[in-house]
Amino acid sequence: MPFARAGEHRLYYEESGSGEPLVFLHGFSLDHRMWRPQVGCFAKKHRVICPDALGHGRSDRPQTGYSRAHRVEDLARFVDNLKIDRFHLVGLSMGGSTAIGFALKYRERLVSLTLVSTGAAGYSVSKKFERLDRVAREDGVDLARKKWLDWSLAWYKNAHREVGQFIKSMMEEYSGAVWADPMRGRYPKEQDLERVHEIDVPALILAGELDRVFAGLAQEIHHRVKGSRLKIYEKVGHMLNLEAPELFNRDLETFLGETGQN
């Protein structure tokens, strides 16, 4: 199985195709598999790389080291290990937050940045996340995972059931390492909205109109990132790359074609 070093830890990844590197970052409690509807499409023109974040999927699961700052450095070491200089970066939710942090610190390494249903450091999207942290501390990771599944999959009970089952299969395998981190909630705070105006690479921001938790954040980031493009997908929720893969692939392909170096 392919692993690459990120400092003292190993990140699992899958790679397809050749051409300009294109790195996809998954959401919290998911893994590289969430990008399956994209791999075949983009591997025709790109070297597509989908890593598992630390504590997720098949990557290492250390006791601590799960802050956003850690994820940014993990990514920097990961692409260094793969001898990648500049690349396109796509991140969804937690992966979007990581991508923002990377763009702020290593903007010279990015050809383009695509934020999908993105999170952002310092932006509180829901008190439910804080309650889950408390459940994990007081009642254990297994109960936190169960409550997370119930909350996250509620949208998919009536719509996109196949998508829901696919997401569930990943979430049930999630290690819970981030919740178990003894430093959880004690890492230095970052405030992305105070700094996103510094991002000066071509940026595409995508969100679903039914994703009430994150759609507003997408619009706010768009207003602050000069020259960024924003698209809100009608009748689509959080996992828009899975709920509307054809539209997502088309829009991302167009954007990459216009910003690529080739």
Protein backbone atom coordinates (compact mmCIF):
# COMPACT_ATOMS: atom_id res chain seq x y z
CA MET A 1 0.00 0.00 0.00
CA PRO A 2 1.34 3.49 -0.80
CA PHE A 3 2.40 5.58 2.18
CA ALA A 4 4.35 8.83 2.29
CA ARG A 5 6.08 10.34 5.28
CA ALA A 6 4.72 13.44 6.94
CA GLY A 7 7.41 14.04 9.49
CA GLU A 8 7.53 11.06 11.84
CA HIS A 9 4.15 9.75 10.70
CA ARG A 10 2.89 8.04 7.56
CA LEU A 11 0.00 9.19 5.41
CA TYR A 12 -1.77 6.68 3.22
CA TYR A 13 -2.67 7.92 -0.26
CA GLU A 14 -3.91 6.74 -3.62
CA GLU A 15 -2.66 8.13 -6.90
CA SER A 16 -3.87 7.95 -10.50
CA GLY A 17 -3.03 9.55 -13.83
CA SER A 18 -0.27 11.92 -14.85
CA GLY A 19 0.13 15.61 -15.56
CA GLU A 20 -0.17 18.63 -13.31
CA PRO A 21 -0.57 17.41 -9.71
CA LEU A 22 -4.07 17.72 -8.22
CA VAL A 23 -4.43 16.97 -4.50
CA PHE A 24 -7.86 16.26 -2.93
CA LEU A 25 -8.35 16.63 0.85
CA HIS A 26 -11.31 14.83 2.45
CA GLY A 27 -13.69 15.89 5.20
CA PHE A 28 -13.68 15.04 8.90
CA SER A 29 -14.24 11.35 9.75
CA LEU A 30 -14.05 10.44 6.03
CA ASP A 31 -11.08 9.36 3.92
CA HIS A 32 -9.66 9.29 0.39
CA ARG A 33 -12.57 7.19 -0.88
CA MET A 34 -14.97 10.15 -0.84
CA TRP A 35 -13.30 11.41 -4.04
CA ARG A 36 -14.02 8.27 -6.10
CA PRO A 37 -16.44 10.10 -8.47
CA GLN A 38 -13.64 12.54 -9.27
CA VAL A 39 -10.59 10.32 -9.70
CA GLY A 40 -11.43 8.80 -13.08
CA CYS A 41 -12.51 12.12 -14.53
CA PHE A 42 -9.44 14.11 -13.51
CA ALA A 43 -6.81 11.41 -13.92
CA LYS A 44 -7.16 11.89 -17.69
CA LYS A 45 -5.23 15.14 -17.47
CA HIS A 46 -3.79 15.28 -13.96
CA ARG A 47 -1.72 13.38 -11.47
CA VAL A 48 -4.53 12.88 -8.96
CA ILE A 49 -3.48 12.33 -5.34
CA CYS A 50 -5.93 11.57 -2.52
CA PRO A 51 -4.33 11.24 0.93
CA ASP A 52 -5.90 10.16 4.20
CA ALA A 53 -5.40 12.80 6.89
CA LEU A 54 -3.64 11.71 10.05
CA GLY A 55 -6.00 9.69 12.24
CA HIS A 56 -8.26 8.92 9.28
CA GLY A 57 -8.49 6.00 6.89
CA ARG A 58 -5.28 4.00 6.73
CA SER A 59 -2.94 6.78 7.86
CA ASP A 60 -1.13 6.62 11.20
CA ARG A 61 -3.10 7.38 14.36
CA PRO A 62 -0.83 9.03 16.92
CA GLN A 63 -2.17 10.06 20.30
CA THR A 64 -1.96 13.78 19.53
CA GLY A 65 -1.12 16.28 16.78
CA TYR A 66 -4.51 16.97 15.20
CA SER A 67 -4.72 20.76 15.09
CA ARG A 68 -5.27 22.60 11.81
CA ALA A 69 -1.67 23.80 12.01
CA HIS A 70 -0.54 20.17 12.23
CA ARG A 71 -2.62 19.25 9.17
CA VAL A 72 -1.05 22.07 7.17
CA GLU A 73 2.46 20.91 8.03
CA ASP A 74 1.50 17.28 7.36
CA LEU A 75 0.44 18.32 3.87
CA ALA A 76 3.62 20.31 3.26
CA ARG A 77 5.79 17.35 4.27
CA PHE A 78 3.60 14.96 2.29
CA VAL A 79 3.98 16.83 -1.01
CA ASP A 80 7.69 17.29 -0.33
CA ASN A 81 7.99 13.53 0.11
CA LEU A 82 6.28 13.02 -3.25
CA LYS A 83 8.62 15.62 -4.80
CA ILE A 84 5.74 17.88 -5.79
CA ASP A 85 6.66 21.54 -6.16
CA ARG A 86 3.41 23.27 -7.21
CA PHE A 87 -0.06 21.79 -7.45
CA HIS A 88 -3.80 22.36 -7.55
CA LEU A 89 -5.43 21.87 -4.15
CA VAL A 90 -9.06 20.89 -3.51
CA GLY A 91 -10.46 20.49 0.00
CA LEU A 92 -13.92 19.72 1.36
CA SER A 93 -15.07 20.78 4.85
CA MET A 94 -12.14 19.94 7.17
CA GLY A 95 -10.04 19.50 4.04
CA GLY A 96 -11.10 22.98 2.95
CA SER A 97 -9.92 24.42 6.26
CA THR A 98 -6.59 22.66 5.79
CA ALA A 99 -6.40 24.07 2.26
CA ILE A 100 -7.01 27.61 3.55
CA GLY A 101 -4.23 27.21 6.10
CA PHE A 102 -1.89 25.87 3.42
CA ALA A 103 -2.75 28.74 1.05
CA LEU A 104 -1.99 31.28 3.77
CA LYS A 105 1.39 29.78 4.64
CA TYR A 106 2.56 28.20 1.38
CA ARG A 107 0.71 30.17 -1.30
CA GLU A 108 3.73 30.06 -3.64
CA ARG A 109 3.25 26.29 -3.95
CA LEU A 110 -0.33 26.45 -5.22
CA VAL A 111 -1.42 26.72 -8.82
CA SER A 112 -5.04 27.02 -7.68
CA LEU A 113 -7.25 26.57 -4.65
CA THR A 114 -10.74 25.05 -4.59
CA LEU A 115 -12.78 25.17 -1.38
CA VAL A 116 -15.79 22.87 -1.22
CA SER A 117 -18.33 23.20 1.62
CA THR A 118 -15.33 24.54 3.46
CA GLY A 119 -14.69 24.99 7.12
CA ALA A 120 -12.37 27.68 8.47
CA ALA A 121 -10.25 27.98 11.58
CA GLY A 122 -11.90 30.14 14.20
CA TYR A 123 -15.33 29.98 12.58
CA SER A 124 -17.91 28.25 14.78
CA VAL A 125 -20.43 26.53 12.53
CA SER A 126 -22.43 24.70 15.20
CA LYS A 127 -22.47 24.07 18.94
CA LYS A 128 -22.99 20.39 18.07
CA PHE A 129 -19.27 20.03 17.42
CA GLU A 130 -18.49 21.27 20.93
CA ARG A 131 -21.08 18.90 22.41
CA LEU A 132 -19.51 15.98 20.57
CA ASP A 133 -16.13 16.87 22.05
CA ARG A 134 -17.70 16.78 25.51
CA VAL A 135 -19.37 13.43 24.81
CA ALA A 136 -16.03 11.99 23.66
CA ARG A 137 -14.30 13.22 26.83
CA GLU A 138 -17.00 12.13 29.25
CA ASP A 139 -18.57 9.07 27.62
CA GLY A 140 -16.00 7.84 25.12
CA VAL A 141 -15.25 7.95 21.43
CA ASP A 142 -17.72 5.21 20.48
CA LEU A 143 -20.70 7.21 21.72
CA ALA A 144 -19.37 10.38 20.08
CA ARG A 145 -19.11 8.49 16.79
CA LYS A 146 -22.69 7.24 17.11
CA LYS A 147 -24.03 10.74 17.76
CA TRP A 148 -21.93 12.10 14.88
CA LEU A 149 -23.39 9.49 12.55
CA ASP A 150 -26.94 10.28 13.62
CA TRP A 151 -26.43 14.00 13.07
CA SER A 152 -24.38 13.83 9.86
CA LEU A 153 -26.58 11.29 8.10
CA ALA A 154 -29.97 12.79 8.97
CA TRP A 155 -30.07 14.65 5.63
CA TYR A 156 -29.59 11.41 3.70
CA LYS A 157 -32.53 9.50 5.19
CA ASN A 158 -34.89 10.88 2.55
CA ALA A 159 -32.57 12.11 -0.19
CA HIS A 160 -29.40 10.67 -1.75
CA ARG A 161 -29.65 7.45 0.26
CA GLU A 162 -26.85 5.80 -1.68
CA VAL A 163 -24.60 8.74 -0.87
CA GLY A 164 -25.59 8.39 2.77
CA GLN A 165 -24.68 4.72 2.84
CA PHE A 166 -21.32 5.45 1.22
CA ILE A 167 -20.55 8.17 3.76
CA LYS A 168 -21.69 5.94 6.61
CA SER A 169 -19.31 3.17 5.55
CA MET A 170 -16.37 5.57 5.96
CA MET A 171 -17.59 7.17 9.18
CA GLU A 172 -18.10 3.79 10.86
CA GLU A 173 -14.44 3.00 10.21
CA TYR A 174 -13.21 6.35 11.52
CA SER A 175 -10.79 5.85 14.41
CA GLY A 176 -12.03 8.77 16.50
CA ALA A 177 -8.41 9.81 17.01
CA VAL A 178 -9.16 13.53 16.80
CA TRP A 179 -11.75 13.34 19.59
CA ALA A 180 -9.34 11.32 21.75
CA ASP A 181 -6.50 13.84 21.37
CA PRO A 182 -5.70 15.08 24.93
CA MET A 183 -4.87 18.48 23.41
CA ARG A 184 -8.30 18.78 21.77
CA GLY A 185 -9.63 22.29 22.46
CA ARG A 186 -6.28 23.48 23.84
CA TYR A 187 -4.38 24.23 20.64
CA PRO A 188 -3.62 27.88 19.77
CA LYS A 189 -6.59 29.51 18.07
CA GLU A 190 -6.40 30.72 14.47
CA GLN A 191 -8.82 33.16 12.85
CA ASP A 192 -9.04 32.57 9.10
CA LEU A 193 -11.59 35.26 8.31
CA GLU A 194 -9.13 37.87 9.52
CA ARG A 195 -6.54 36.65 7.00
CA VAL A 196 -8.23 35.06 3.98
CA HIS A 197 -7.88 38.37 2.09
CA GLU A 198 -4.17 37.49 1.88
CA ILE A 199 -4.91 34.55 -0.44
CA ASP A 200 -3.76 35.58 -3.90
CA VAL A 201 -3.96 32.38 -5.93
CA PRO A 202 -6.90 31.61 -8.27
CA ALA A 203 -9.68 30.42 -5.97
CA LEU A 204 -12.96 28.60 -6.63
CA ILE A 205 -15.48 28.37 -3.79
CA LEU A 206 -18.34 25.87 -4.01
CA ALA A 207 -21.22 25.16 -1.63
CA GLY A 208 -24.71 23.68 -1.61
CA GLU A 209 -27.67 25.95 -0.90
CA LEU A 210 -29.15 23.37 1.48
CA ASP A 211 -25.94 23.22 3.51
CA ARG A 212 -27.05 25.91 5.93
CA VAL A 213 -24.06 25.33 8.18
CA PHE A 214 -21.45 26.15 5.55
CA ALA A 215 -23.10 28.05 2.68
CA GLY A 216 -22.91 31.35 4.55
CA LEU A 217 -19.23 30.83 5.28
CA ALA A 218 -18.58 30.19 1.58
CA GLN A 219 -20.17 33.51 0.70
CA GLU A 220 -18.21 35.33 3.39
CA ILE A 221 -14.89 33.91 2.16
CA HIS A 222 -15.79 34.81 -1.42
CA HIS A 223 -16.35 38.43 -0.40
CA ARG A 224 -12.97 38.55 1.30
CA VAL A 225 -10.81 36.72 -1.29
CA LYS A 226 -10.20 39.08 -4.17
CA GLY A 227 -10.96 37.60 -7.58
CA SER A 228 -12.40 34.37 -6.19
CA ARG A 229 -15.27 32.61 -7.93
CA LEU A 230 -18.33 31.41 -6.07
CA LYS A 231 -20.98 28.92 -7.08
CA ILE A 232 -23.88 27.81 -4.92
CA TYR A 233 -25.48 24.56 -6.08
CA GLU A 234 -29.27 24.48 -5.92
CA LYS A 235 -30.95 21.65 -4.00
CA VAL A 236 -27.58 20.28 -2.86
CA GLY A 237 -26.24 19.72 0.65
CA HIS A 238 -22.80 19.39 2.20
CA MET A 239 -21.31 16.54 0.16
CA LEU A 240 -21.80 18.20 -3.19
CA ASN A 241 -19.05 16.24 -4.95
CA LEU A 242 -21.11 13.11 -4.21
CA GLU A 243 -24.60 14.58 -4.48
CA ALA A 244 -23.96 16.39 -7.79
CA PRO A 245 -20.78 14.78 -9.18
CA GLU A 246 -21.34 15.64 -12.82
CA LEU A 247 -21.87 19.33 -12.11
CA PHE A 248 -18.98 19.38 -9.65
CA ASN A 249 -16.61 17.66 -12.07
CA ARG A 250 -17.60 19.98 -14.90
CA ASP A 251 -17.10 23.15 -12.88
CA LEU A 252 -13.80 22.00 -11.39
CA GLU A 253 -12.52 20.82 -14.76
CA THR A 254 -13.31 24.21 -16.30
CA PHE A 255 -11.59 26.05 -13.46
CA LEU A 256 -8.47 23.87 -13.59
CA GLY A 257 -8.28 24.29 -17.36
CA GLU A 258 -8.32 28.05 -17.02
CA THR A 259 -5.76 28.21 -14.21
CA GLY A 260 -3.38 25.39 -15.13
CA GLN A 261 0.19 25.85 -16.25
CA ASN A 262 -0.02 23.51 -19.24
